[in-house]
Amino acid sequence: MEQIREISALRGLISGLAIELGALNFDDECFVNIDENIEAYAEALGRKDYQLVLKKNQEFHELLANNPQYPWCYRLLENMHGMISAQRHGMPPQHNRLAEALDEHRSIRDMLRAGAFKAAANMV
């Protein structure tokens, strides 16, 4: 659990930095992709398709971090993904936590859309 907490904290810091550095990349096309991701996540969660939920969660964070000007945040996050995988550590999906994460994704999206990049970075 300590390893998961540490890696999760590092991922949050790197994701927040990626948001702040890549603020100019959050354009209409990016928000269409984020909206589609959140919708697919919600539908998968409703069906309890946890494999798809986890995939959409990873894609959401990739959308936040993948910007051409600052590729290292994305590359570091990509490398860390396997280290924190719940399945890798034998942890079953926690439906309530995944639902909370969906709400967080919506809040992060709304902050980004409003131009509140620091607040979004702090939330992630």
Protein backbone atom coordinates (compact mmCIF):
# COMPACT_ATOMS: atom_id res chain seq x y z
CA MET A 1 0.00 0.00 0.00
CA GLU A 2 2.87 2.41 0.73
CA GLN A 3 4.27 1.88 -2.77
CA ILE A 4 0.85 2.55 -4.31
CA ARG A 5 0.43 5.72 -2.23
CA GLU A 6 3.88 6.98 -3.23
CA ILE A 7 3.43 6.27 -6.92
CA SER A 8 -0.07 7.77 -6.87
CA ALA A 9 1.27 10.95 -5.26
CA LEU A 10 4.04 11.18 -7.86
CA ARG A 11 1.55 10.67 -10.68
CA GLY A 12 -0.63 13.43 -9.26
CA LEU A 13 2.27 15.87 -9.10
CA ILE A 14 3.43 15.06 -12.62
CA SER A 15 -0.13 15.28 -13.97
CA GLY A 16 -0.60 18.65 -12.30
CA LEU A 17 2.64 19.93 -13.81
CA ALA A 18 1.54 18.65 -17.22
CA ILE A 19 -1.72 20.59 -16.93
CA GLU A 20 0.03 23.80 -15.98
CA LEU A 21 2.73 23.50 -18.66
CA GLY A 22 0.28 22.47 -21.36
CA ALA A 23 -2.51 24.93 -20.57
CA LEU A 24 -2.57 26.28 -24.12
CA ASN A 25 -3.32 22.80 -25.49
CA PHE A 26 -6.76 22.65 -23.87
CA ASP A 27 -8.72 23.73 -26.92
CA ASP A 28 -12.12 22.79 -28.32
CA GLU A 29 -10.83 19.55 -29.87
CA CYS A 30 -9.23 18.52 -26.60
CA PHE A 31 -12.47 19.16 -24.72
CA VAL A 32 -14.43 17.07 -27.23
CA ASN A 33 -12.04 14.18 -26.49
CA ILE A 34 -12.28 14.73 -22.75
CA ASP A 35 -16.10 14.88 -22.89
CA GLU A 36 -16.24 11.66 -24.93
CA ASN A 37 -13.88 9.97 -22.48
CA ILE A 38 -15.96 10.99 -19.46
CA GLU A 39 -19.17 9.80 -21.15
CA ALA A 40 -17.61 6.41 -22.01
CA TYR A 41 -16.26 6.08 -18.46
CA ALA A 42 -19.72 6.78 -17.00
CA GLU A 43 -21.40 4.26 -19.30
CA ALA A 44 -18.81 1.58 -18.48
CA LEU A 45 -19.16 2.26 -14.75
CA GLY A 46 -22.93 1.91 -15.03
CA ARG A 47 -22.44 -1.52 -16.63
CA LYS A 48 -19.75 -2.40 -14.05
CA ASP A 49 -17.31 -2.98 -16.91
CA TYR A 50 -14.31 -2.26 -14.73
CA GLN A 51 -11.76 -3.16 -17.38
CA LEU A 52 -13.15 -0.43 -19.62
CA VAL A 53 -13.46 1.99 -16.68
CA LEU A 54 -9.77 1.53 -15.89
CA LYS A 55 -8.87 1.98 -19.54
CA LYS A 56 -10.91 5.19 -19.77
CA ASN A 57 -9.34 6.43 -16.53
CA GLN A 58 -5.88 5.96 -18.00
CA GLU A 59 -6.94 7.64 -21.25
CA PHE A 60 -8.33 10.62 -19.30
CA HIS A 61 -4.99 11.19 -17.63
CA GLU A 62 -3.22 10.80 -20.97
CA LEU A 63 -5.47 13.51 -22.43
CA LEU A 64 -4.41 15.82 -19.61
CA ALA A 65 -0.70 15.17 -19.97
CA ASN A 66 -0.05 14.50 -23.65
CA ASN A 67 1.12 17.78 -25.13
CA PRO A 68 3.83 18.28 -27.74
CA GLN A 69 5.71 21.06 -25.98
CA TYR A 70 6.40 19.08 -22.80
CA PRO A 71 6.63 15.38 -23.63
CA TRP A 72 8.44 14.26 -20.50
CA CYS A 73 5.46 14.51 -18.18
CA TYR A 74 3.51 12.22 -20.47
CA ARG A 75 6.40 9.81 -20.87
CA LEU A 76 6.94 9.57 -17.11
CA LEU A 77 3.24 8.98 -16.49
CA GLU A 78 3.14 6.34 -19.18
CA ASN A 79 6.04 4.52 -17.54
CA MET A 80 4.41 4.72 -14.12
CA HIS A 81 1.05 3.34 -15.25
CA GLY A 82 1.93 -0.31 -14.80
CA MET A 83 3.44 0.32 -11.38
CA ILE A 84 0.13 1.40 -9.86
CA SER A 85 -2.24 -0.98 -11.61
CA ALA A 86 -4.76 -2.25 -9.07
CA GLN A 87 -4.96 -5.61 -10.82
CA ARG A 88 -1.20 -5.98 -10.68
CA HIS A 89 -1.40 -5.66 -6.91
CA GLY A 90 -4.38 -8.00 -6.63
CA MET A 91 -6.84 -5.31 -5.59
CA PRO A 92 -10.43 -5.69 -6.79
CA PRO A 93 -12.11 -2.67 -8.38
CA GLN A 94 -13.74 -0.37 -5.83
CA HIS A 95 -16.99 0.81 -7.46
CA ASN A 96 -17.50 3.73 -5.07
CA ARG A 97 -13.93 4.98 -5.55
CA LEU A 98 -14.29 4.70 -9.33
CA ALA A 99 -17.52 6.73 -9.11
CA GLU A 100 -15.71 9.37 -7.03
CA ALA A 101 -12.94 9.46 -9.65
CA LEU A 102 -15.55 10.08 -12.35
CA ASP A 103 -16.85 13.06 -10.40
CA GLU A 104 -13.27 14.29 -10.03
CA HIS A 105 -12.73 13.96 -13.79
CA ARG A 106 -15.82 16.07 -14.41
CA SER A 107 -14.60 18.72 -11.96
CA ILE A 108 -11.14 18.77 -13.52
CA ARG A 109 -12.68 19.16 -16.98
CA ASP A 110 -14.91 22.00 -15.78
CA MET A 111 -11.94 23.79 -14.20
CA LEU A 112 -9.90 23.41 -17.37
CA ARG A 113 -12.76 24.71 -19.48
CA ALA A 114 -13.01 27.74 -17.17
CA GLY A 115 -9.27 28.34 -17.48
CA ALA A 116 -8.61 27.45 -13.83
CA PHE A 117 -5.48 25.48 -14.65
CA LYS A 118 -3.88 25.77 -11.21
CA ALA A 119 -7.06 24.51 -9.53
CA ALA A 120 -7.29 21.61 -12.00
CA ALA A 121 -3.62 20.81 -11.40
CA ASN A 122 -4.21 20.77 -7.66
CA MET A 123 -7.24 18.50 -7.99
CA VAL A 124 -5.50 15.97 -10.20
